[in-house]
Amino acid sequence: MADNIYDEIEIEDMTYDSTLQIYHYPCPCGDRFEINIDDLRDGEEIAVCPSCSLQIRVIFEVDALPKEENAAIEAGGQVQQVSVAA
């Protein structure tokens, strides 16, 4: 599996989607590497591209991730807004 590590990327260089609770980073194939924040909290450090076999190692500190309760509140609020609007 280590053969497919394309690069090591600092988490600060990735984009965080608070709705989906994933970090993503552009992949050379045109898609993007993705990793869920819960996986990061569990110590996972490999983000995968769903379109090709490449992977990146994410460099991060678990303590620096968004707090779990804040992420849940934000996601819950957004989901409720969408449900009410629908």
PDB file of N, CA and C in Angstrom:
ATOM      1  N   MET A   1       0.823  -1.197   0.000  1.00  0.00           N
ATOM      2  CA  MET A   1       0.000   0.000   0.000  1.00  0.00           C
ATOM      3  C   MET A   1       0.865   1.259   0.000  1.00  0.00           C
ATOM      4  N   ALA A   2       2.037   1.194   0.615  1.00  0.00           N
ATOM      5  CA  ALA A   2       2.911   2.363   0.681  1.00  0.00           C
ATOM      6  C   ALA A   2       3.415   2.765  -0.703  1.00  0.00           C
ATOM      7  N   ASP A   3       3.372   1.846  -1.677  1.00  0.00           N
ATOM      8  CA  ASP A   3       3.818   2.167  -3.029  1.00  0.00           C
ATOM      9  C   ASP A   3       2.955   3.242  -3.673  1.00  0.00           C
ATOM     10  N   ASN A   4       1.722   3.392  -3.217  1.00  0.00           N
ATOM     11  CA  ASN A   4       0.801   4.341  -3.822  1.00  0.00           C
ATOM     12  C   ASN A   4       0.786   5.697  -3.133  1.00  0.00           C
ATOM     13  N   ILE A   5       1.677   5.932  -2.159  1.00  0.00           N
ATOM     14  CA  ILE A   5       1.725   7.234  -1.490  1.00  0.00           C
ATOM     15  C   ILE A   5       2.330   8.240  -2.464  1.00  0.00           C
ATOM     16  N   TYR A   6       1.514   9.148  -2.910  1.00  0.00           N
ATOM     17  CA  TYR A   6       1.922  10.147  -3.893  1.00  0.00           C
ATOM     18  C   TYR A   6       2.732  11.267  -3.251  1.00  0.00           C
ATOM     19  N   ASP A   7       2.319  11.689  -2.048  1.00  0.00           N
ATOM     20  CA  ASP A   7       2.971  12.825  -1.405  1.00  0.00           C
ATOM     21  C   ASP A   7       2.566  12.869   0.062  1.00  0.00           C
ATOM     22  N   GLU A   8       3.253  13.711   0.818  1.00  0.00           N
ATOM     23  CA  GLU A   8       2.867  14.006   2.196  1.00  0.00           C
ATOM     24  C   GLU A   8       2.398  15.453   2.222  1.00  0.00           C
ATOM     25  N   ILE A   9       1.193  15.680   2.732  1.00  0.00           N
ATOM     26  CA  ILE A   9       0.558  16.993   2.685  1.00  0.00           C
ATOM     27  C   ILE A   9       0.198  17.447   4.097  1.00  0.00           C
ATOM     28  N   GLU A  10       0.552  18.685   4.421  1.00  0.00           N
ATOM     29  CA  GLU A  10       0.148  19.273   5.702  1.00  0.00           C
ATOM     30  C   GLU A  10      -1.362  19.515   5.664  1.00  0.00           C
ATOM     31  N   ILE A  11      -2.032  19.241   6.764  1.00  0.00           N
ATOM     32  CA  ILE A  11      -3.487  19.410   6.812  1.00  0.00           C
ATOM     33  C   ILE A  11      -3.888  20.863   6.549  1.00  0.00           C
ATOM     34  N   GLU A  12      -3.008  21.799   6.880  1.00  0.00           N
ATOM     35  CA  GLU A  12      -3.294  23.218   6.630  1.00  0.00           C
ATOM     36  C   GLU A  12      -3.406  23.527   5.138  1.00  0.00           C
ATOM     37  N   ASP A  13      -2.821  22.669   4.293  1.00  0.00           N
ATOM     38  CA  ASP A  13      -2.889  22.861   2.843  1.00  0.00           C
ATOM     39  C   ASP A  13      -4.124  22.207   2.228  1.00  0.00           C
ATOM     40  N   MET A  14      -4.896  21.494   3.041  1.00  0.00           N
ATOM     41  CA  MET A  14      -6.108  20.838   2.563  1.00  0.00           C
ATOM     42  C   MET A  14      -7.312  21.738   2.820  1.00  0.00           C
ATOM     43  N   THR A  15      -8.411  21.456   2.154  1.00  0.00           N
ATOM     44  CA  THR A  15      -9.655  22.201   2.339  1.00  0.00           C
ATOM     45  C   THR A  15     -10.604  21.360   3.181  1.00  0.00           C
ATOM     46  N   TYR A  16     -11.232  22.003   4.182  1.00  0.00           N
ATOM     47  CA  TYR A  16     -12.174  21.289   5.053  1.00  0.00           C
ATOM     48  C   TYR A  16     -13.604  21.627   4.662  1.00  0.00           C
ATOM     49  N   ASP A  17     -14.401  20.595   4.422  1.00  0.00           N
ATOM     50  CA  ASP A  17     -15.825  20.747   4.123  1.00  0.00           C
ATOM     51  C   ASP A  17     -16.587  20.398   5.395  1.00  0.00           C
ATOM     52  N   SER A  18     -17.102  21.415   6.098  1.00  0.00           N
ATOM     53  CA  SER A  18     -17.762  21.184   7.383  1.00  0.00           C
ATOM     54  C   SER A  18     -19.107  20.473   7.226  1.00  0.00           C
ATOM     55  N   THR A  19     -19.731  20.572   6.073  1.00  0.00           N
ATOM     56  CA  THR A  19     -20.999  19.877   5.847  1.00  0.00           C
ATOM     57  C   THR A  19     -20.775  18.366   5.767  1.00  0.00           C
ATOM     58  N   LEU A  20     -19.800  17.957   4.973  1.00  0.00           N
ATOM     59  CA  LEU A  20     -19.499  16.534   4.814  1.00  0.00           C
ATOM     60  C   LEU A  20     -18.502  16.034   5.850  1.00  0.00           C
ATOM     61  N   GLN A  21     -17.870  16.949   6.558  1.00  0.00           N
ATOM     62  CA  GLN A  21     -16.845  16.659   7.558  1.00  0.00           C
ATOM     63  C   GLN A  21     -15.689  15.862   6.961  1.00  0.00           C
ATOM     64  N   ILE A  22     -15.203  16.340   5.802  1.00  0.00           N
ATOM     65  CA  ILE A  22     -14.037  15.734   5.169  1.00  0.00           C
ATOM     66  C   ILE A  22     -13.021  16.809   4.811  1.00  0.00           C
ATOM     67  N   TYR A  23     -11.778  16.403   4.811  1.00  0.00           N
ATOM     68  CA  TYR A  23     -10.708  17.225   4.263  1.00  0.00           C
ATOM     69  C   TYR A  23     -10.447  16.708   2.862  1.00  0.00           C
ATOM     70  N   HIS A  24     -10.166  17.617   1.927  1.00  0.00           N
ATOM     71  CA  HIS A  24      -9.831  17.171   0.579  1.00  0.00           C
ATOM     72  C   HIS A  24      -8.687  17.991   0.006  1.00  0.00           C
ATOM     73  N   TYR A  25      -8.047  17.402  -1.019  1.00  0.00           N
ATOM     74  CA  TYR A  25      -6.867  17.991  -1.653  1.00  0.00           C
ATOM     75  C   TYR A  25      -6.851  17.524  -3.103  1.00  0.00           C
ATOM     76  N   PRO A  26      -6.498  18.398  -4.054  1.00  0.00           N
ATOM     77  CA  PRO A  26      -6.525  18.015  -5.474  1.00  0.00           C
ATOM     78  C   PRO A  26      -5.595  16.838  -5.797  1.00  0.00           C
ATOM     79  N   CYS A  27      -6.085  15.936  -6.615  1.00  0.00           N
ATOM     80  CA  CYS A  27      -5.303  14.794  -7.091  1.00  0.00           C
ATOM     81  C   CYS A  27      -4.867  15.074  -8.535  1.00  0.00           C
ATOM     82  N   PRO A  28      -3.705  14.597  -8.949  1.00  0.00           N
ATOM     83  CA  PRO A  28      -3.257  14.821 -10.330  1.00  0.00           C
ATOM     84  C   PRO A  28      -4.208  14.245 -11.382  1.00  0.00           C
ATOM     85  N   CYS A  29      -5.046  13.270 -11.010  1.00  0.00           N
ATOM     86  CA  CYS A  29      -5.964  12.668 -11.983  1.00  0.00           C
ATOM     87  C   CYS A  29      -7.148  13.585 -12.291  1.00  0.00           C
ATOM     88  N   GLY A  30      -7.307  14.661 -11.507  1.00  0.00           N
ATOM     89  CA  GLY A  30      -8.421  15.576 -11.725  1.00  0.00           C
ATOM     90  C   GLY A  30      -9.489  15.474 -10.655  1.00  0.00           C
ATOM     91  N   ASP A  31      -9.484  14.413  -9.874  1.00  0.00           N
ATOM     92  CA  ASP A  31     -10.425  14.258  -8.762  1.00  0.00           C
ATOM     93  C   ASP A  31      -9.767  14.861  -7.522  1.00  0.00           C
ATOM     94  N   ARG A  32     -10.052  14.311  -6.347  1.00  0.00           N
ATOM     95  CA  ARG A  32      -9.433  14.840  -5.135  1.00  0.00           C
ATOM     96  C   ARG A  32      -9.265  13.742  -4.094  1.00  0.00           C
ATOM     97  N   PHE A  33      -8.196  13.865  -3.326  1.00  0.00           N
ATOM     98  CA  PHE A  33      -7.978  12.987  -2.181  1.00  0.00           C
ATOM     99  C   PHE A  33      -8.960  13.406  -1.100  1.00  0.00           C
ATOM    100  N   GLU A  34      -9.493  12.442  -0.347  1.00  0.00           N
ATOM    101  CA  GLU A  34     -10.453  12.751   0.715  1.00  0.00           C
ATOM    102  C   GLU A  34     -10.166  11.910   1.946  1.00  0.00           C
ATOM    103  N   ILE A  35     -10.403  12.518   3.114  1.00  0.00           N
ATOM    104  CA  ILE A  35     -10.333  11.777   4.369  1.00  0.00           C
ATOM    105  C   ILE A  35     -11.330  12.382   5.343  1.00  0.00           C
ATOM    106  N   ASN A  36     -12.079  11.534   6.012  1.00  0.00           N
ATOM    107  CA  ASN A  36     -13.106  11.955   6.961  1.00  0.00           C
ATOM    108  C   ASN A  36     -12.458  12.391   8.269  1.00  0.00           C
ATOM    109  N   ILE A  37     -13.020  13.411   8.900  1.00  0.00           N
ATOM    110  CA  ILE A  37     -12.456  13.917  10.146  1.00  0.00           C
ATOM    111  C   ILE A  37     -12.475  12.860  11.249  1.00  0.00           C
ATOM    112  N   ASP A  38     -13.479  11.988  11.261  1.00  0.00           N
ATOM    113  CA  ASP A  38     -13.517  10.923  12.268  1.00  0.00           C
ATOM    114  C   ASP A  38     -12.358   9.944  12.082  1.00  0.00           C
ATOM    115  N   ASP A  39     -11.990   9.681  10.822  1.00  0.00           N
ATOM    116  CA  ASP A  39     -10.835   8.820  10.563  1.00  0.00           C
ATOM    117  C   ASP A  39      -9.556   9.475  11.076  1.00  0.00           C
ATOM    118  N   LEU A  40      -9.426  10.781  10.870  1.00  0.00           N
ATOM    119  CA  LEU A  40      -8.261  11.498  11.388  1.00  0.00           C
ATOM    120  C   LEU A  40      -8.212  11.415  12.907  1.00  0.00           C
ATOM    121  N   ARG A  41      -9.346  11.604  13.558  1.00  0.00           N
ATOM    122  CA  ARG A  41      -9.397  11.517  15.027  1.00  0.00           C
ATOM    123  C   ARG A  41      -9.018  10.125  15.522  1.00  0.00           C
ATOM    124  N   ASP A  42      -9.293   9.110  14.697  1.00  0.00           N
ATOM    125  CA  ASP A  42      -8.941   7.734  15.054  1.00  0.00           C
ATOM    126  C   ASP A  42      -7.487   7.399  14.725  1.00  0.00           C
ATOM    127  N   GLY A  43      -6.738   8.384  14.210  1.00  0.00           N
ATOM    128  CA  GLY A  43      -5.322   8.177  13.926  1.00  0.00           C
ATOM    129  C   GLY A  43      -5.002   7.796  12.496  1.00  0.00           C
ATOM    130  N   GLU A  44      -6.004   7.693  11.648  1.00  0.00           N
ATOM    131  CA  GLU A  44      -5.767   7.390  10.232  1.00  0.00           C
ATOM    132  C   GLU A  44      -5.074   8.592   9.606  1.00  0.00           C
ATOM    133  N   GLU A  45      -4.089   8.354   8.757  1.00  0.00           N
ATOM    134  CA  GLU A  45      -3.362   9.464   8.143  1.00  0.00           C
ATOM    135  C   GLU A  45      -3.292   9.376   6.620  1.00  0.00           C
ATOM    136  N   ILE A  46      -3.958   8.391   6.034  1.00  0.00           N
ATOM    137  CA  ILE A  46      -3.918   8.199   4.588  1.00  0.00           C
ATOM    138  C   ILE A  46      -5.230   8.657   3.957  1.00  0.00           C
ATOM    139  N   ALA A  47      -5.121   9.644   3.059  1.00  0.00           N
ATOM    140  CA  ALA A  47      -6.277  10.110   2.290  1.00  0.00           C
ATOM    141  C   ALA A  47      -6.211   9.447   0.917  1.00  0.00           C
ATOM    142  N   VAL A  48      -7.349   9.005   0.426  1.00  0.00           N
ATOM    143  CA  VAL A  48      -7.388   8.281  -0.842  1.00  0.00           C
ATOM    144  C   VAL A  48      -8.150   9.078  -1.900  1.00  0.00           C
ATOM    145  N   CYS A  49      -7.793   8.820  -3.139  1.00  0.00           N
ATOM    146  CA  CYS A  49      -8.541   9.380  -4.266  1.00  0.00           C
ATOM    147  C   CYS A  49      -9.500   8.293  -4.737  1.00  0.00           C
ATOM    148  N   PRO A  50     -10.796   8.597  -4.827  1.00  0.00           N
ATOM    149  CA  PRO A  50     -11.755   7.574  -5.252  1.00  0.00           C
ATOM    150  C   PRO A  50     -11.663   7.218  -6.737  1.00  0.00           C
ATOM    151  N   SER A  51     -10.925   8.013  -7.528  1.00  0.00           N
ATOM    152  CA  SER A  51     -10.873   7.784  -8.971  1.00  0.00           C
ATOM    153  C   SER A  51      -9.613   7.075  -9.456  1.00  0.00           C
ATOM    154  N   CYS A  52      -8.577   7.051  -8.630  1.00  0.00           N
ATOM    155  CA  CYS A  52      -7.339   6.393  -9.045  1.00  0.00           C
ATOM    156  C   CYS A  52      -6.725   5.690  -7.835  1.00  0.00           C
ATOM    157  N   SER A  53      -5.556   5.134  -8.001  1.00  0.00           N
ATOM    158  CA  SER A  53      -4.947   4.357  -6.920  1.00  0.00           C
ATOM    159  C   SER A  53      -4.027   5.184  -6.027  1.00  0.00           C
ATOM    160  N   LEU A  54      -3.913   6.484  -6.284  1.00  0.00           N
ATOM    161  CA  LEU A  54      -3.005   7.310  -5.487  1.00  0.00           C
ATOM    162  C   LEU A  54      -3.560   7.595  -4.098  1.00  0.00           C
ATOM    163  N   GLN A  55      -2.621   7.792  -3.168  1.00  0.00           N
ATOM    164  CA  GLN A  55      -2.951   8.139  -1.788  1.00  0.00           C
ATOM    165  C   GLN A  55      -1.951   9.188  -1.317  1.00  0.00           C
ATOM    166  N   ILE A  56      -2.349   9.967  -0.327  1.00  0.00           N
ATOM    167  CA  ILE A  56      -1.419  10.901   0.300  1.00  0.00           C
ATOM    168  C   ILE A  56      -1.407  10.651   1.801  1.00  0.00           C
ATOM    169  N   ARG A  57      -0.276  10.975   2.401  1.00  0.00           N
ATOM    170  CA  ARG A  57      -0.173  10.918   3.863  1.00  0.00           C
ATOM    171  C   ARG A  57      -0.453  12.323   4.375  1.00  0.00           C
ATOM    172  N   VAL A  58      -1.399  12.444   5.299  1.00  0.00           N
ATOM    173  CA  VAL A  58      -1.781  13.732   5.866  1.00  0.00           C
ATOM    174  C   VAL A  58      -0.972  13.951   7.141  1.00  0.00           C
ATOM    175  N   ILE A  59      -0.290  15.085   7.206  1.00  0.00           N
ATOM    176  CA  ILE A  59       0.497  15.437   8.381  1.00  0.00           C
ATOM    177  C   ILE A  59      -0.347  16.369   9.234  1.00  0.00           C
ATOM    178  N   PHE A  60      -0.630  15.938  10.474  1.00  0.00           N
ATOM    179  CA  PHE A  60      -1.530  16.707  11.332  1.00  0.00           C
ATOM    180  C   PHE A  60      -1.327  16.343  12.788  1.00  0.00           C
ATOM    181  N   GLU A  61      -1.859  17.183  13.667  1.00  0.00           N
ATOM    182  CA  GLU A  61      -1.918  16.926  15.102  1.00  0.00           C
ATOM    183  C   GLU A  61      -3.386  16.714  15.459  1.00  0.00           C
ATOM    184  N   VAL A  62      -3.709  15.628  16.119  1.00  0.00           N
ATOM    185  CA  VAL A  62      -5.098  15.330  16.481  1.00  0.00           C
ATOM    186  C   VAL A  62      -5.688  16.465  17.316  1.00  0.00           C
ATOM    187  N   ASP A  63      -4.888  17.047  18.204  1.00  0.00           N
ATOM    188  CA  ASP A  63      -5.376  18.130  19.067  1.00  0.00           C
ATOM    189  C   ASP A  63      -5.753  19.389  18.287  1.00  0.00           C
ATOM    190  N   ALA A  64      -5.220  19.546  17.071  1.00  0.00           N
ATOM    191  CA  ALA A  64      -5.492  20.743  16.275  1.00  0.00           C
ATOM    192  C   ALA A  64      -6.733  20.604  15.387  1.00  0.00           C
ATOM    193  N   LEU A  65      -7.346  19.426  15.360  1.00  0.00           N
ATOM    194  CA  LEU A  65      -8.550  19.220  14.541  1.00  0.00           C
ATOM    195  C   LEU A  65      -9.733  19.959  15.151  1.00  0.00           C
ATOM    196  N   PRO A  66     -10.732  20.307  14.336  1.00  0.00           N
ATOM    197  CA  PRO A  66     -11.949  20.918  14.889  1.00  0.00           C
ATOM    198  C   PRO A  66     -12.541  20.007  15.961  1.00  0.00           C
ATOM    199  N   LYS A  67     -13.050  20.610  17.012  1.00  0.00           N
ATOM    200  CA  LYS A  67     -13.620  19.843  18.123  1.00  0.00           C
ATOM    201  C   LYS A  67     -14.844  19.065  17.663  1.00  0.00           C
ATOM    202  N   GLU A  68     -15.008  17.876  18.190  1.00  0.00           N
ATOM    203  CA  GLU A  68     -16.095  16.980  17.774  1.00  0.00           C
ATOM    204  C   GLU A  68     -17.467  17.587  18.027  1.00  0.00           C
ATOM    205  N   GLU A  69     -17.683  18.188  19.193  1.00  0.00           N
ATOM    206  CA  GLU A  69     -19.001  18.751  19.487  1.00  0.00           C
ATOM    207  C   GLU A  69     -19.314  19.950  18.588  1.00  0.00           C
ATOM    208  N   ASN A  70     -18.295  20.760  18.253  1.00  0.00           N
ATOM    209  CA  ASN A  70     -18.517  21.895  17.352  1.00  0.00           C
ATOM    210  C   ASN A  70     -18.873  21.414  15.956  1.00  0.00           C
ATOM    211  N   ALA A  71     -18.199  20.393  15.491  1.00  0.00           N
ATOM    212  CA  ALA A  71     -18.490  19.854  14.162  1.00  0.00           C
ATOM    213  C   ALA A  71     -19.897  19.269  14.121  1.00  0.00           C
ATOM    214  N   ALA A  72     -20.299  18.581  15.183  1.00  0.00           N
ATOM    215  CA  ALA A  72     -21.638  17.984  15.222  1.00  0.00           C
ATOM    216  C   ALA A  72     -22.712  19.063  15.250  1.00  0.00           C
ATOM    217  N   ILE A  73     -22.485  20.125  16.006  1.00  0.00           N
ATOM    218  CA  ILE A  73     -23.454  21.223  16.076  1.00  0.00           C
ATOM    219  C   ILE A  73     -23.576  21.901  14.714  1.00  0.00           C
ATOM    220  N   GLU A  74     -22.424  22.177  14.072  1.00  0.00           N
ATOM    221  CA  GLU A  74     -22.450  22.824  12.760  1.00  0.00           C
ATOM    222  C   GLU A  74     -23.183  21.954  11.749  1.00  0.00           C
ATOM    223  N   ALA A  75     -22.845  20.682  11.699  1.00  0.00           N
ATOM    224  CA  ALA A  75     -23.484  19.785  10.736  1.00  0.00           C
ATOM    225  C   ALA A  75     -24.968  19.649  11.039  1.00  0.00           C
ATOM    226  N   GLY A  76     -25.315  19.538  12.305  1.00  0.00           N
ATOM    227  CA  GLY A  76     -26.719  19.422  12.686  1.00  0.00           C
ATOM    228  C   GLY A  76     -27.498  20.652  12.294  1.00  0.00           C
ATOM    229  N   GLY A  77     -26.929  21.818  12.514  1.00  0.00           N
ATOM    230  CA  GLY A  77     -27.598  23.066  12.152  1.00  0.00           C
ATOM    231  C   GLY A  77     -27.806  23.165  10.655  1.00  0.00           C
ATOM    232  N   GLN A  78     -26.821  22.770   9.879  1.00  0.00           N
ATOM    233  CA  GLN A  78     -26.947  22.845   8.433  1.00  0.00           C
ATOM    234  C   GLN A  78     -27.975  21.847   7.928  1.00  0.00           C
ATOM    235  N   VAL A  79     -27.979  20.658   8.479  1.00  0.00           N
ATOM    236  CA  VAL A  79     -28.950  19.651   8.051  1.00  0.00           C
ATOM    237  C   VAL A  79     -30.360  20.117   8.379  1.00  0.00           C
ATOM    238  N   GLN A  80     -30.547  20.709   9.549  1.00  0.00           N
ATOM    239  CA  GLN A  80     -31.864  21.190   9.926  1.00  0.00           C
ATOM    240  C   GLN A  80     -32.307  22.310   8.991  1.00  0.00           C
ATOM    241  N   GLN A  81     -31.411  23.196   8.623  1.00  0.00           N
ATOM    242  CA  GLN A  81     -31.770  24.286   7.721  1.00  0.00           C
ATOM    243  C   GLN A  81     -32.207  23.738   6.371  1.00  0.00           C
ATOM    244  N   VAL A  82     -31.517  22.752   5.864  1.00  0.00           N
ATOM    245  CA  VAL A  82     -31.876  22.161   4.583  1.00  0.00           C
ATOM    246  C   VAL A  82     -33.224  21.467   4.694  1.00  0.00           C
ATOM    247  N   SER A  83     -33.457  20.738   5.786  1.00  0.00           N
ATOM    248  CA  SER A  83     -34.723  20.029   5.967  1.00  0.00           C
ATOM    249  C   SER A  83     -35.890  21.005   6.057  1.00  0.00           C
ATOM    250  N   VAL A  84     -35.718  22.101   6.772  1.00  0.00           N
ATOM    251  CA  VAL A  84     -36.773  23.096   6.922  1.00  0.00           C
ATOM    252  C   VAL A  84     -37.035  23.779   5.584  1.00  0.00           C
ATOM    253  N   ALA A  85     -35.967  24.072   4.833  1.00  0.00           N
ATOM    254  CA  ALA A  85     -36.113  24.744   3.547  1.00  0.00           C
ATOM    255  C   ALA A  85     -36.781  23.825   2.524  1.00  0.00           C
ATOM    256  N   ALA A  86     -36.583  22.538   2.641  1.00  0.00           N
ATOM    257  CA  ALA A  86     -37.152  21.589   1.684  1.00  0.00           C
ATOM    258  C   ALA A  86     -38.610  21.433   2.009  1.00  0.00           C
TER     259      ALA A  86
END
